[in-house]
Amino acid sequence: MAKAALTRREREIMDIVYRLGRASAQQVLEKLALPPSYSAVRALLRLLKERGHVKHVEEGGRYCWLFCAPYGPAASLARRAQTEGAVRFSAEVESPVVVRAWRPVIVLADAARDWPEERLLAVMLHESAHVRRRDGLALLVANAGVRAGLVQSVNLVRGAPAAPRM
């Protein structure tokens, strides 16, 4: 069965858990923008666990939440991208990035070779989402529009007010 799409708040919680590696509900609450109640954070973490996105371990009488390793199509996508050369390792990057608009390549830091499989797969899924959405191509088109004078600013494209030109 396919996993349901995440809400904005669920994605925000997943990003926090990913960045911290493991996080208690209190740590998640402290990092949230416009945080809900502590009980709401715990309920969302429980819901994410039921959907198979996170798991918990007990540490010192409290739960710490971790990513679950993706299974099925997600895991095979990550393996296929690596074998087809769409993934490269480089000492010049510190965090994962997608480069090239036409034939995107995911570039990972050399340190990623030592990451646990769960983290590597989570990063691969995240970066693969950028590739699927063609984020690099959208940014290329937006920047070309700015340089051609068709758009005042990339922020204007996103809906934010443009900065005044000097």
Protein backbone atom coordinates (compact mmCIF):
# COMPACT_ATOMS: atom_id res chain seq x y z
CA MET A 1 0.00 0.00 0.00
CA ALA A 2 1.33 3.46 -0.94
CA LYS A 3 2.13 5.89 1.84
CA ALA A 4 -0.14 8.92 2.07
CA ALA A 5 1.32 12.30 1.10
CA LEU A 6 2.69 14.29 4.02
CA THR A 7 1.16 17.55 5.17
CA ARG A 8 3.30 20.68 5.48
CA ARG A 9 3.62 20.19 9.24
CA GLU A 10 4.52 16.49 8.84
CA ARG A 11 7.22 17.40 6.28
CA GLU A 12 8.55 20.02 8.68
CA ILE A 13 8.77 17.42 11.47
CA MET A 14 10.46 14.92 9.12
CA ASP A 15 13.03 17.57 8.15
CA ILE A 16 13.79 18.26 11.82
CA VAL A 17 14.19 14.57 12.66
CA TYR A 18 16.44 14.16 9.63
CA ARG A 19 18.62 17.18 10.49
CA LEU A 20 19.03 16.09 14.12
CA GLY A 21 19.50 12.40 13.30
CA ARG A 22 17.36 11.47 16.28
CA ALA A 23 15.08 13.77 18.20
CA SER A 24 12.74 13.77 21.17
CA ALA A 25 9.28 15.31 20.86
CA GLN A 26 10.53 18.26 22.93
CA GLN A 27 13.46 18.85 20.54
CA VAL A 28 11.07 18.74 17.57
CA LEU A 29 8.74 21.17 19.32
CA GLU A 30 11.61 23.62 19.96
CA LYS A 31 12.65 23.61 16.28
CA LEU A 32 9.16 24.02 14.76
CA ALA A 33 8.11 27.36 13.30
CA LEU A 34 4.85 28.39 14.98
CA PRO A 35 4.85 25.29 17.18
CA PRO A 36 1.63 23.57 18.18
CA SER A 37 1.21 22.03 21.63
CA TYR A 38 3.54 19.32 22.90
CA SER A 39 0.64 16.83 22.70
CA ALA A 40 0.05 17.71 19.05
CA VAL A 41 3.73 17.08 18.23
CA ARG A 42 3.57 13.69 19.97
CA ALA A 43 0.38 12.84 18.08
CA LEU A 44 1.98 13.78 14.75
CA LEU A 45 5.06 11.69 15.53
CA ARG A 46 2.81 8.74 16.43
CA LEU A 47 0.94 9.21 13.12
CA LEU A 48 4.22 9.31 11.19
CA LYS A 49 5.25 6.11 12.98
CA GLU A 50 1.98 4.39 12.03
CA ARG A 51 2.59 5.36 8.40
CA GLY A 52 6.11 3.92 8.55
CA HIS A 53 8.06 7.17 8.18
CA VAL A 54 9.71 7.21 11.62
CA LYS A 55 10.41 4.80 14.45
CA HIS A 56 11.31 5.36 18.06
CA VAL A 57 13.78 4.01 20.59
CA GLU A 58 13.60 4.54 24.33
CA GLU A 59 16.51 6.49 25.79
CA GLY A 60 16.57 7.53 29.43
CA GLY A 61 12.82 7.13 29.90
CA ARG A 62 11.86 9.12 26.78
CA TYR A 63 11.30 8.28 23.14
CA CYS A 64 13.81 9.40 20.54
CA TRP A 65 12.48 9.43 16.99
CA LEU A 66 14.50 8.24 13.97
CA PHE A 67 13.92 7.81 10.25
CA CYS A 68 12.82 4.40 9.02
CA ALA A 69 14.66 2.88 6.11
CA PRO A 70 12.43 3.12 3.03
CA TYR A 71 11.41 -0.15 1.39
CA GLY A 72 10.02 -1.17 -1.97
CA PRO A 73 10.14 1.29 -4.86
CA ALA A 74 11.92 4.00 -2.85
CA ALA A 75 14.88 1.81 -1.96
CA SER A 76 15.16 0.44 -5.49
CA LEU A 77 15.09 4.02 -6.86
CA ALA A 78 18.07 4.96 -4.71
CA ARG A 79 20.02 1.85 -5.72
CA ARG A 80 19.20 2.34 -9.42
CA ALA A 81 20.28 6.01 -9.36
CA GLN A 82 23.63 5.03 -7.88
CA THR A 83 24.30 2.24 -10.41
CA GLU A 84 23.31 4.42 -13.40
CA GLY A 85 25.86 7.10 -12.49
CA ALA A 86 23.25 9.64 -11.43
CA VAL A 87 24.98 9.84 -8.04
CA ARG A 88 28.51 11.06 -7.46
CA PHE A 89 30.64 11.62 -4.38
CA SER A 90 32.80 14.73 -4.00
CA ALA A 91 35.09 16.28 -1.41
CA GLU A 92 34.01 19.72 -2.65
CA VAL A 93 30.47 19.59 -1.23
CA GLU A 94 29.40 19.46 2.41
CA SER A 95 25.71 18.72 1.90
CA PRO A 96 23.82 16.85 -0.83
CA VAL A 97 23.00 18.82 -3.97
CA VAL A 98 21.47 18.20 -7.39
CA VAL A 99 23.47 19.67 -10.27
CA ARG A 100 22.69 20.09 -13.99
CA ALA A 101 19.23 20.89 -15.30
CA TRP A 102 18.98 18.50 -18.27
CA ARG A 103 20.53 15.31 -16.92
CA PRO A 104 20.56 15.89 -13.17
CA VAL A 105 23.22 14.30 -10.99
CA ILE A 106 22.98 13.98 -7.22
CA VAL A 107 26.30 14.94 -5.60
CA LEU A 108 26.97 13.71 -2.07
CA ALA A 109 29.82 14.58 0.26
CA ASP A 110 32.56 11.96 0.55
CA ALA A 111 31.47 11.50 4.17
CA ALA A 112 28.18 10.08 2.87
CA ARG A 113 30.00 6.82 2.10
CA ASP A 114 30.08 6.19 5.86
CA TRP A 115 26.45 7.15 6.56
CA PRO A 116 24.07 4.48 7.81
CA GLU A 117 21.93 3.04 5.03
CA GLU A 118 18.80 4.62 6.54
CA ARG A 119 20.22 8.14 6.28
CA LEU A 120 21.65 7.58 2.80
CA LEU A 121 18.30 6.34 1.52
CA ALA A 122 16.46 9.25 3.14
CA VAL A 123 18.84 11.71 1.46
CA MET A 124 18.50 9.89 -1.86
CA LEU A 125 14.72 10.09 -1.66
CA HIS A 126 14.84 13.79 -0.81
CA GLU A 127 17.24 14.66 -3.63
CA SER A 128 15.34 12.39 -6.05
CA ALA A 129 12.23 14.45 -5.31
CA HIS A 130 14.12 17.54 -6.53
CA VAL A 131 15.00 15.65 -9.72
CA ARG A 132 11.41 14.45 -10.27
CA ARG A 133 10.02 17.97 -9.77
CA ARG A 134 12.70 19.37 -12.12
CA ASP A 135 13.65 22.01 -9.55
CA GLY A 136 16.96 22.71 -11.30
CA LEU A 137 15.21 23.41 -14.59
CA ALA A 138 12.65 25.68 -12.89
CA LEU A 139 15.47 27.64 -11.23
CA LEU A 140 17.32 27.91 -14.55
CA VAL A 141 14.22 29.31 -16.29
CA ALA A 142 13.51 31.73 -13.42
CA ASN A 143 17.10 33.03 -13.41
CA ALA A 144 17.06 33.40 -17.21
CA GLY A 145 13.88 35.47 -16.90
CA VAL A 146 15.52 37.71 -14.30
CA ARG A 147 18.60 38.23 -16.44
CA ALA A 148 16.52 38.94 -19.53
CA GLY A 149 14.54 41.53 -17.59
CA LEU A 150 11.29 39.59 -17.94
CA VAL A 151 10.97 39.23 -14.19
CA GLN A 152 12.24 41.67 -11.56
CA SER A 153 13.37 39.02 -9.12
CA VAL A 154 13.18 35.30 -8.46
CA ASN A 155 11.41 36.27 -5.23
CA LEU A 156 8.67 37.82 -7.34
CA VAL A 157 8.15 34.47 -9.03
CA ARG A 158 7.78 32.88 -5.59
CA GLY A 159 5.22 35.48 -4.54
CA ALA A 160 7.47 37.62 -2.31
CA PRO A 161 7.86 41.32 -3.07
CA ALA A 162 10.83 42.20 -5.27
CA ALA A 163 13.79 44.03 -3.80
CA PRO A 164 14.27 47.52 -5.23
CA ARG A 165 16.95 47.84 -7.90
CA MET A 166 19.68 50.40 -7.50
